[in-house]
PDB file of N, CA and C in Angstrom:
ATOM      1  N   MET A   1     -40.598 -45.281   4.513  1.00  0.00           N
ATOM      2  CA  MET A   1     -39.811 -44.362   3.741  1.00  0.00           C
ATOM      3  C   MET A   1     -38.328 -44.600   4.042  1.00  0.00           C
ATOM      4  N   GLU A   2     -37.532 -44.613   3.019  1.00  0.00           N
ATOM      5  CA  GLU A   2     -36.127 -44.924   3.156  1.00  0.00           C
ATOM      6  C   GLU A   2     -35.298 -43.638   3.087  1.00  0.00           C
ATOM      7  N   GLU A   3     -34.389 -43.462   4.041  1.00  0.00           N
ATOM      8  CA  GLU A   3     -33.533 -42.282   4.046  1.00  0.00           C
ATOM      9  C   GLU A   3     -32.284 -42.547   3.231  1.00  0.00           C
ATOM     10  N   GLU A   4     -31.837 -41.514   2.535  1.00  0.00           N
ATOM     11  CA  GLU A   4     -30.603 -41.631   1.768  1.00  0.00           C
ATOM     12  C   GLU A   4     -29.434 -41.275   2.679  1.00  0.00           C
ATOM     13  N   ILE A   5     -28.453 -42.145   2.725  1.00  0.00           N
ATOM     14  CA  ILE A   5     -27.275 -41.918   3.559  1.00  0.00           C
ATOM     15  C   ILE A   5     -26.164 -41.379   2.664  1.00  0.00           C
ATOM     16  N   ILE A   6     -25.670 -40.216   3.033  1.00  0.00           N
ATOM     17  CA  ILE A   6     -24.588 -39.586   2.279  1.00  0.00           C
ATOM     18  C   ILE A   6     -23.304 -39.778   3.061  1.00  0.00           C
ATOM     19  N   ASP A   7     -22.327 -40.404   2.426  1.00  0.00           N
ATOM     20  CA  ASP A   7     -21.048 -40.681   3.082  1.00  0.00           C
ATOM     21  C   ASP A   7     -20.042 -39.603   2.683  1.00  0.00           C
ATOM     22  N   ASN A   8     -19.781 -38.673   3.611  1.00  0.00           N
ATOM     23  CA  ASN A   8     -18.830 -37.596   3.365  1.00  0.00           C
ATOM     24  C   ASN A   8     -17.519 -37.796   4.115  1.00  0.00           C
ATOM     25  N   ASN A   9     -17.313 -38.964   4.683  1.00  0.00           N
ATOM     26  CA  ASN A   9     -16.123 -39.171   5.504  1.00  0.00           C
ATOM     27  C   ASN A   9     -14.829 -39.024   4.711  1.00  0.00           C
ATOM     28  N   GLY A  10     -14.811 -39.426   3.461  1.00  0.00           N
ATOM     29  CA  GLY A  10     -13.592 -39.337   2.672  1.00  0.00           C
ATOM     30  C   GLY A  10     -13.347 -37.958   2.108  1.00  0.00           C
ATOM     31  N   LYS A  11     -14.352 -37.092   2.136  1.00  0.00           N
ATOM     32  CA  LYS A  11     -14.228 -35.772   1.526  1.00  0.00           C
ATOM     33  C   LYS A  11     -14.057 -34.658   2.540  1.00  0.00           C
ATOM     34  N   ASP A  12     -14.326 -34.927   3.788  1.00  0.00           N
ATOM     35  CA  ASP A  12     -14.232 -33.902   4.819  1.00  0.00           C
ATOM     36  C   ASP A  12     -12.809 -33.858   5.373  1.00  0.00           C
ATOM     37  N   LEU A  13     -12.303 -32.649   5.577  1.00  0.00           N
ATOM     38  CA  LEU A  13     -10.932 -32.507   6.079  1.00  0.00           C
ATOM     39  C   LEU A  13     -10.786 -33.047   7.500  1.00  0.00           C
ATOM     40  N   GLY A  14     -11.869 -33.052   8.247  1.00  0.00           N
ATOM     41  CA  GLY A  14     -11.798 -33.546   9.614  1.00  0.00           C
ATOM     42  C   GLY A  14     -11.712 -35.056   9.709  1.00  0.00           C
ATOM     43  N   TYR A  15     -12.103 -35.774   8.661  1.00  0.00           N
ATOM     44  CA  TYR A  15     -12.115 -37.233   8.719  1.00  0.00           C
ATOM     45  C   TYR A  15     -10.999 -37.879   7.898  1.00  0.00           C
ATOM     46  N   SER A  16     -10.421 -37.149   6.956  1.00  0.00           N
ATOM     47  CA  SER A  16      -9.391 -37.732   6.104  1.00  0.00           C
ATOM     48  C   SER A  16      -8.063 -37.038   6.356  1.00  0.00           C
ATOM     49  N   TRP A  17      -7.164 -37.730   7.071  1.00  0.00           N
ATOM     50  CA  TRP A  17      -5.865 -37.141   7.401  1.00  0.00           C
ATOM     51  C   TRP A  17      -4.996 -36.982   6.163  1.00  0.00           C
ATOM     52  N   VAL A  18      -5.181 -37.863   5.179  1.00  0.00           N
ATOM     53  CA  VAL A  18      -4.360 -37.783   3.974  1.00  0.00           C
ATOM     54  C   VAL A  18      -4.677 -36.516   3.200  1.00  0.00           C
ATOM     55  N   SER A  19      -5.954 -36.249   2.972  1.00  0.00           N
ATOM     56  CA  SER A  19      -6.307 -35.039   2.227  1.00  0.00           C
ATOM     57  C   SER A  19      -6.020 -33.787   3.048  1.00  0.00           C
ATOM     58  N   THR A  20      -6.137 -33.892   4.381  1.00  0.00           N
ATOM     59  CA  THR A  20      -5.828 -32.743   5.231  1.00  0.00           C
ATOM     60  C   THR A  20      -4.345 -32.401   5.160  1.00  0.00           C
ATOM     61  N   SER A  21      -3.490 -33.397   5.274  1.00  0.00           N
ATOM     62  CA  SER A  21      -2.055 -33.121   5.239  1.00  0.00           C
ATOM     63  C   SER A  21      -1.632 -32.655   3.846  1.00  0.00           C
ATOM     64  N   ARG A  22      -2.238 -33.192   2.805  1.00  0.00           N
ATOM     65  CA  ARG A  22      -1.923 -32.744   1.450  1.00  0.00           C
ATOM     66  C   ARG A  22      -2.357 -31.287   1.257  1.00  0.00           C
ATOM     67  N   PHE A  23      -3.531 -30.959   1.749  1.00  0.00           N
ATOM     68  CA  PHE A  23      -4.034 -29.589   1.648  1.00  0.00           C
ATOM     69  C   PHE A  23      -3.130 -28.621   2.401  1.00  0.00           C
ATOM     70  N   LEU A  24      -2.740 -28.978   3.622  1.00  0.00           N
ATOM     71  CA  LEU A  24      -1.869 -28.112   4.413  1.00  0.00           C
ATOM     72  C   LEU A  24      -0.487 -27.984   3.783  1.00  0.00           C
ATOM     73  N   PHE A  25       0.024 -29.074   3.181  1.00  0.00           N
ATOM     74  CA  PHE A  25       1.314 -29.009   2.511  1.00  0.00           C
ATOM     75  C   PHE A  25       1.261 -28.030   1.344  1.00  0.00           C
ATOM     76  N   TYR A  26       0.229 -28.110   0.518  1.00  0.00           N
ATOM     77  CA  TYR A  26       0.112 -27.204  -0.618  1.00  0.00           C
ATOM     78  C   TYR A  26      -0.106 -25.762  -0.155  1.00  0.00           C
ATOM     79  N   CYS A  27      -0.818 -25.565   0.943  1.00  0.00           N
ATOM     80  CA  CYS A  27      -0.972 -24.219   1.494  1.00  0.00           C
ATOM     81  C   CYS A  27       0.380 -23.661   1.928  1.00  0.00           C
ATOM     82  N   GLN A  28       1.188 -24.479   2.585  1.00  0.00           N
ATOM     83  CA  GLN A  28       2.514 -24.038   3.009  1.00  0.00           C
ATOM     84  C   GLN A  28       3.392 -23.705   1.810  1.00  0.00           C
ATOM     85  N   VAL A  29       3.327 -24.527   0.761  1.00  0.00           N
ATOM     86  CA  VAL A  29       4.133 -24.266  -0.430  1.00  0.00           C
ATOM     87  C   VAL A  29       3.729 -22.945  -1.067  1.00  0.00           C
ATOM     88  N   VAL A  30       2.434 -22.696  -1.183  1.00  0.00           N
ATOM     89  CA  VAL A  30       1.945 -21.454  -1.790  1.00  0.00           C
ATOM     90  C   VAL A  30       2.340 -20.252  -0.930  1.00  0.00           C
ATOM     91  N   ILE A  31       2.216 -20.361   0.377  1.00  0.00           N
ATOM     92  CA  ILE A  31       2.557 -19.247   1.269  1.00  0.00           C
ATOM     93  C   ILE A  31       4.054 -18.953   1.209  1.00  0.00           C
ATOM     94  N   ILE A  32       4.889 -19.989   1.203  1.00  0.00           N
ATOM     95  CA  ILE A  32       6.340 -19.770   1.131  1.00  0.00           C
ATOM     96  C   ILE A  32       6.718 -19.145  -0.203  1.00  0.00           C
ATOM     97  N   MET A  33       6.110 -19.607  -1.295  1.00  0.00           N
ATOM     98  CA  MET A  33       6.397 -19.014  -2.604  1.00  0.00           C
ATOM     99  C   MET A  33       5.958 -17.553  -2.648  1.00  0.00           C
ATOM    100  N   ALA A  34       4.829 -17.238  -2.031  1.00  0.00           N
ATOM    101  CA  ALA A  34       4.363 -15.845  -2.002  1.00  0.00           C
ATOM    102  C   ALA A  34       5.314 -14.978  -1.179  1.00  0.00           C
ATOM    103  N   LEU A  35       5.804 -15.482  -0.059  1.00  0.00           N
ATOM    104  CA  LEU A  35       6.747 -14.722   0.758  1.00  0.00           C
ATOM    105  C   LEU A  35       8.068 -14.495   0.026  1.00  0.00           C
ATOM    106  N   VAL A  36       8.554 -15.515  -0.661  1.00  0.00           N
ATOM    107  CA  VAL A  36       9.804 -15.375  -1.413  1.00  0.00           C
ATOM    108  C   VAL A  36       9.626 -14.368  -2.545  1.00  0.00           C
ATOM    109  N   ALA A  37       8.510 -14.470  -3.275  1.00  0.00           N
ATOM    110  CA  ALA A  37       8.261 -13.525  -4.365  1.00  0.00           C
ATOM    111  C   ALA A  37       8.122 -12.102  -3.833  1.00  0.00           C
ATOM    112  N   GLY A  38       7.437 -11.928  -2.717  1.00  0.00           N
ATOM    113  CA  GLY A  38       7.296 -10.604  -2.116  1.00  0.00           C
ATOM    114  C   GLY A  38       8.625 -10.045  -1.636  1.00  0.00           C
ATOM    115  N   GLY A  39       9.465 -10.901  -1.053  1.00  0.00           N
ATOM    116  CA  GLY A  39      10.784 -10.460  -0.614  1.00  0.00           C
ATOM    117  C   GLY A  39      11.668 -10.063  -1.784  1.00  0.00           C
ATOM    118  N   CYS A  40      11.611 -10.841  -2.867  1.00  0.00           N
ATOM    119  CA  CYS A  40      12.403 -10.500  -4.059  1.00  0.00           C
ATOM    120  C   CYS A  40      11.929  -9.176  -4.653  1.00  0.00           C
ATOM    121  N   TYR A  41      10.626  -8.973  -4.697  1.00  0.00           N
ATOM    122  CA  TYR A  41      10.092  -7.723  -5.245  1.00  0.00           C
ATOM    123  C   TYR A  41      10.503  -6.528  -4.378  1.00  0.00           C
ATOM    124  N   THR A  42      10.444  -6.700  -3.057  1.00  0.00           N
ATOM    125  CA  THR A  42      10.825  -5.621  -2.148  1.00  0.00           C
ATOM    126  C   THR A  42      12.312  -5.295  -2.282  1.00  0.00           C
ATOM    127  N   MET A  43      13.135  -6.329  -2.393  1.00  0.00           N
ATOM    128  CA  MET A  43      14.567  -6.085  -2.571  1.00  0.00           C
ATOM    129  C   MET A  43      14.840  -5.411  -3.908  1.00  0.00           C
ATOM    130  N   TYR A  44      14.075  -5.745  -4.935  1.00  0.00           N
ATOM    131  CA  TYR A  44      14.246  -5.104  -6.239  1.00  0.00           C
ATOM    132  C   TYR A  44      13.846  -3.633  -6.168  1.00  0.00           C
ATOM    133  N   GLU A  45      12.758  -3.344  -5.479  1.00  0.00           N
ATOM    134  CA  GLU A  45      12.288  -1.963  -5.378  1.00  0.00           C
ATOM    135  C   GLU A  45      13.241  -1.096  -4.554  1.00  0.00           C
ATOM    136  N   HIS A  46      13.894  -1.651  -3.555  1.00  0.00           N
ATOM    137  CA  HIS A  46      14.787  -0.884  -2.677  1.00  0.00           C
ATOM    138  C   HIS A  46      16.252  -1.213  -2.963  1.00  0.00           C
ATOM    139  N   ARG A  47      16.565  -1.509  -4.202  1.00  0.00           N
ATOM    140  CA  ARG A  47      17.934  -1.903  -4.558  1.00  0.00           C
ATOM    141  C   ARG A  47      18.876  -0.698  -4.505  1.00  0.00           C
ATOM    142  N   TYR A  48      20.159  -0.996  -4.464  1.00  0.00           N
ATOM    143  CA  TYR A  48      21.190   0.031  -4.446  1.00  0.00           C
ATOM    144  C   TYR A  48      21.305   0.610  -5.850  1.00  0.00           C
ATOM    145  N   THR A  49      21.138   1.907  -5.977  1.00  0.00           N
ATOM    146  CA  THR A  49      21.104   2.531  -7.292  1.00  0.00           C
ATOM    147  C   THR A  49      22.447   3.092  -7.719  1.00  0.00           C
ATOM    148  N   GLY A  50      23.448   3.062  -6.887  1.00  0.00           N
ATOM    149  CA  GLY A  50      24.763   3.541  -7.270  1.00  0.00           C
ATOM    150  C   GLY A  50      25.318   4.516  -6.251  1.00  0.00           C
ATOM    151  N   LYS A  51      26.541   4.901  -6.500  1.00  0.00           N
ATOM    152  CA  LYS A  51      27.226   5.793  -5.573  1.00  0.00           C
ATOM    153  C   LYS A  51      26.754   7.231  -5.807  1.00  0.00           C
ATOM    154  N   PRO A  52      26.182   7.863  -4.810  1.00  0.00           N
ATOM    155  CA  PRO A  52      25.726   9.236  -4.989  1.00  0.00           C
ATOM    156  C   PRO A  52      26.899  10.217  -4.933  1.00  0.00           C
ATOM    157  N   ASN A  53      26.730  11.340  -5.572  1.00  0.00           N
ATOM    158  CA  ASN A  53      27.748  12.397  -5.518  1.00  0.00           C
ATOM    159  C   ASN A  53      27.531  13.216  -4.249  1.00  0.00           C
ATOM    160  N   VAL A  54      28.378  12.958  -3.267  1.00  0.00           N
ATOM    161  CA  VAL A  54      28.272  13.643  -1.985  1.00  0.00           C
ATOM    162  C   VAL A  54      29.468  14.573  -1.858  1.00  0.00           C
ATOM    163  N   GLU A  55      29.206  15.823  -1.542  1.00  0.00           N
ATOM    164  CA  GLU A  55      30.286  16.777  -1.366  1.00  0.00           C
ATOM    165  C   GLU A  55      30.815  16.655   0.057  1.00  0.00           C
ATOM    166  N   VAL A  56      32.077  16.262   0.160  1.00  0.00           N
ATOM    167  CA  VAL A  56      32.703  16.053   1.467  1.00  0.00           C
ATOM    168  C   VAL A  56      33.482  17.300   1.825  1.00  0.00           C
ATOM    169  N   PRO A  57      33.267  17.860   3.008  1.00  0.00           N
ATOM    170  CA  PRO A  57      34.046  19.032   3.425  1.00  0.00           C
ATOM    171  C   PRO A  57      35.533  18.693   3.527  1.00  0.00           C
ATOM    172  N   GLY A  58      36.384  19.645   3.154  1.00  0.00           N
ATOM    173  CA  GLY A  58      37.823  19.415   3.145  1.00  0.00           C
ATOM    174  C   GLY A  58      38.410  19.149   4.516  1.00  0.00           C
ATOM    175  N   ASN A  59      37.812  19.662   5.563  1.00  0.00           N
ATOM    176  CA  ASN A  59      38.381  19.472   6.902  1.00  0.00           C
ATOM    177  C   ASN A  59      38.039  18.100   7.493  1.00  0.00           C
ATOM    178  N   THR A  60      37.255  17.285   6.807  1.00  0.00           N
ATOM    179  CA  THR A  60      36.922  15.954   7.322  1.00  0.00           C
ATOM    180  C   THR A  60      37.609  14.850   6.527  1.00  0.00           C
ATOM    181  N   LEU A  61      38.496  15.189   5.603  1.00  0.00           N
ATOM    182  CA  LEU A  61      39.204  14.189   4.811  1.00  0.00           C
ATOM    183  C   LEU A  61      40.267  13.489   5.648  1.00  0.00           C
ATOM    184  N   TYR A  62      40.857  12.409   5.095  1.00  0.00           N
ATOM    185  CA  TYR A  62      41.926  11.687   5.779  1.00  0.00           C
ATOM    186  C   TYR A  62      43.111  12.607   6.026  1.00  0.00           C
ATOM    187  N   ASN A  63      43.456  13.360   4.993  1.00  0.00           N
ATOM    188  CA  ASN A  63      44.452  14.442   5.126  1.00  0.00           C
ATOM    189  C   ASN A  63      43.697  15.758   5.051  1.00  0.00           C
ATOM    190  N   PRO A  64      43.325  16.319   6.177  1.00  0.00           N
ATOM    191  CA  PRO A  64      42.461  17.509   6.168  1.00  0.00           C
ATOM    192  C   PRO A  64      43.133  18.700   5.504  1.00  0.00           C
ATOM    193  N   GLN A  65      42.298  19.485   4.868  1.00  0.00           N
ATOM    194  CA  GLN A  65      42.775  20.712   4.209  1.00  0.00           C
ATOM    195  C   GLN A  65      42.123  21.885   4.924  1.00  0.00           C
ATOM    196  N   TYR A  66      42.959  22.659   5.605  1.00  0.00           N
ATOM    197  CA  TYR A  66      42.451  23.796   6.363  1.00  0.00           C
ATOM    198  C   TYR A  66      42.707  25.080   5.575  1.00  0.00           C
ATOM    199  N   LYS A  67      41.953  26.089   5.857  1.00  0.00           N
ATOM    200  CA  LYS A  67      42.108  27.378   5.195  1.00  0.00           C
ATOM    201  C   LYS A  67      43.235  28.168   5.783  1.00  0.00           C
TER     202      LYS A  67
END
């Protein structure tokens, strides 16, 4: 009886450094793009909405106004 030999050396990440490095490179690219997109979204959500109307007491101004 003859056994069938399956050659997986070119398809396994442990045996092919070229496919391993390509896979890791694409993983890094995807992770960096996800981090950049997440950072942009977070900055958009917490953006500066404008100058609020804050009532400043007269005694704390540059030229204080006392009663």
